[in-house]
Amino acid sequence: EPMKQTTTLLGVIFGAAACFGAAPGVALMTPDALASGEVWRLISGHLVHVDTSHLLLNALGLIGCGMLFERQLGWRFGALLATGMLAISLLMLVAAPLSASQPSGHGDDCCTAD
């Protein structure tokens, strides 16, 4: 099936946007949250977007990557995306723990922890 992984991930991203909007609490990734067992936060920051233009630009980027690579890589495309999400999150926790607590590490004021 053409671009099944891409369309599934787009559905998750747009679904998260419909449910949470720019919900900072969903994406907060702090060492304390992870230590308390909330490991899902390593992925959630990649699914939450700070505004509509951020969402649409990321969706276009995903569609472009899906068109270029999904058919060639098959299931490995999804594995590559998931591995990349985890790697980016872990690197952000180590290199820039304050920006890791915000969606996609953008540092917007609307997404900071209280």
Protein backbone atom coordinates (compact mmCIF):
# COMPACT_ATOMS: atom_id res chain seq x y z
CA GLU A 1 0.00 0.00 0.00
CA PRO A 2 1.42 3.37 -0.97
CA MET A 3 2.63 5.54 1.90
CA LYS A 4 0.69 3.65 4.57
CA GLN A 5 3.17 4.57 7.32
CA THR A 6 3.24 8.22 6.26
CA THR A 7 -0.54 8.53 6.19
CA THR A 8 -0.82 6.76 9.55
CA LEU A 9 1.68 9.14 11.15
CA LEU A 10 -0.08 12.12 9.57
CA GLY A 11 -3.33 10.87 11.08
CA VAL A 12 -1.68 10.64 14.51
CA ILE A 13 -0.19 14.13 14.18
CA PHE A 14 -3.44 15.75 13.02
CA GLY A 15 -5.36 13.73 15.63
CA ALA A 16 -3.04 15.04 18.36
CA ALA A 17 -3.58 18.57 17.04
CA ALA A 18 -7.35 18.10 17.10
CA CYS A 19 -7.31 16.67 20.63
CA PHE A 20 -4.64 18.78 22.28
CA GLY A 21 -3.96 21.79 20.07
CA ALA A 22 -0.74 23.42 21.26
CA ALA A 23 -0.90 21.54 24.56
CA PRO A 24 2.40 22.02 26.36
CA GLY A 25 1.62 19.51 29.09
CA VAL A 26 1.46 16.67 26.57
CA ALA A 27 4.95 17.37 25.31
CA LEU A 28 6.88 18.33 28.43
CA MET A 29 9.92 16.09 28.55
CA THR A 30 11.86 16.56 31.75
CA PRO A 31 14.21 14.19 33.54
CA ASP A 32 11.73 14.10 36.44
CA ALA A 33 8.84 13.08 34.18
CA LEU A 34 10.92 10.34 32.58
CA ALA A 35 12.21 9.14 35.96
CA SER A 36 8.62 8.77 37.13
CA GLY A 37 7.98 6.35 34.26
CA GLU A 38 6.42 8.68 31.67
CA VAL A 39 8.65 7.46 28.84
CA TRP A 40 5.91 8.18 26.27
CA ARG A 41 7.05 11.81 26.54
CA LEU A 42 10.12 10.89 24.45
CA ILE A 43 7.73 10.64 21.46
CA SER A 44 4.88 13.02 22.36
CA GLY A 45 6.95 16.15 21.76
CA HIS A 46 7.30 15.17 18.13
CA LEU A 47 3.53 14.94 17.70
CA VAL A 48 2.51 18.25 19.28
CA HIS A 49 2.93 21.47 17.32
CA VAL A 50 2.92 25.03 18.60
CA ASP A 51 0.72 26.46 15.83
CA THR A 52 -0.95 25.66 12.52
CA SER A 53 1.97 26.73 10.33
CA HIS A 54 4.34 24.52 12.36
CA LEU A 55 1.93 21.60 11.93
CA LEU A 56 1.49 22.14 8.19
CA LEU A 57 5.20 22.57 7.46
CA ASN A 58 6.06 19.41 9.38
CA ALA A 59 3.26 17.55 7.58
CA LEU A 60 4.62 18.68 4.20
CA GLY A 61 8.10 17.57 5.22
CA LEU A 62 6.77 14.18 6.27
CA ILE A 63 4.85 13.79 3.00
CA GLY A 64 7.99 14.65 1.04
CA CYS A 65 10.12 12.16 2.97
CA GLY A 66 7.40 9.53 2.66
CA MET A 67 7.20 10.01 -1.11
CA LEU A 68 10.96 9.71 -1.43
CA PHE A 69 11.72 6.88 0.97
CA GLU A 70 8.75 4.86 2.19
CA ARG A 71 8.39 2.63 -0.88
CA GLN A 72 12.14 1.99 -0.99
CA LEU A 73 12.59 1.30 2.72
CA GLY A 74 9.28 -0.41 3.53
CA TRP A 75 8.86 -1.07 7.25
CA ARG A 76 12.33 0.35 7.87
CA PHE A 77 10.97 3.84 7.09
CA GLY A 78 8.75 3.75 10.18
CA ALA A 79 11.59 2.28 12.23
CA LEU A 80 13.88 5.05 11.01
CA LEU A 81 11.34 7.73 11.99
CA ALA A 82 10.80 6.22 15.44
CA THR A 83 14.52 5.80 16.04
CA GLY A 84 15.12 9.37 14.93
CA MET A 85 12.43 10.68 17.29
CA LEU A 86 13.94 8.83 20.24
CA ALA A 87 17.49 9.85 19.36
CA ILE A 88 16.55 13.53 19.03
CA SER A 89 14.67 13.46 22.35
CA LEU A 90 17.53 11.79 24.21
CA LEU A 91 20.09 14.12 22.68
CA MET A 92 17.98 17.14 23.64
CA LEU A 93 17.72 15.89 27.22
CA VAL A 94 21.49 15.64 27.43
CA ALA A 95 22.51 18.70 25.42
CA ALA A 96 19.72 21.17 26.17
CA PRO A 97 17.44 19.96 28.97
CA LEU A 98 15.49 23.24 29.18
CA SER A 99 14.50 23.27 25.50
CA ALA A 100 13.69 19.55 25.68
CA SER A 101 10.70 20.45 27.82
CA GLN A 102 8.96 22.15 24.88
CA PRO A 103 7.38 20.80 21.68
CA SER A 104 10.05 20.20 19.06
CA GLY A 105 12.47 22.20 21.20
CA HIS A 106 11.27 25.52 19.77
CA GLY A 107 11.40 27.34 23.09
CA ASP A 108 8.15 29.26 22.60
CA ASP A 109 6.83 30.95 25.72
CA CYS A 110 3.44 29.27 25.34
CA CYS A 111 5.02 25.91 25.98
CA THR A 112 7.15 26.40 29.09
CA ALA A 113 6.57 24.56 32.32
CA ASP A 114 5.25 26.48 35.32
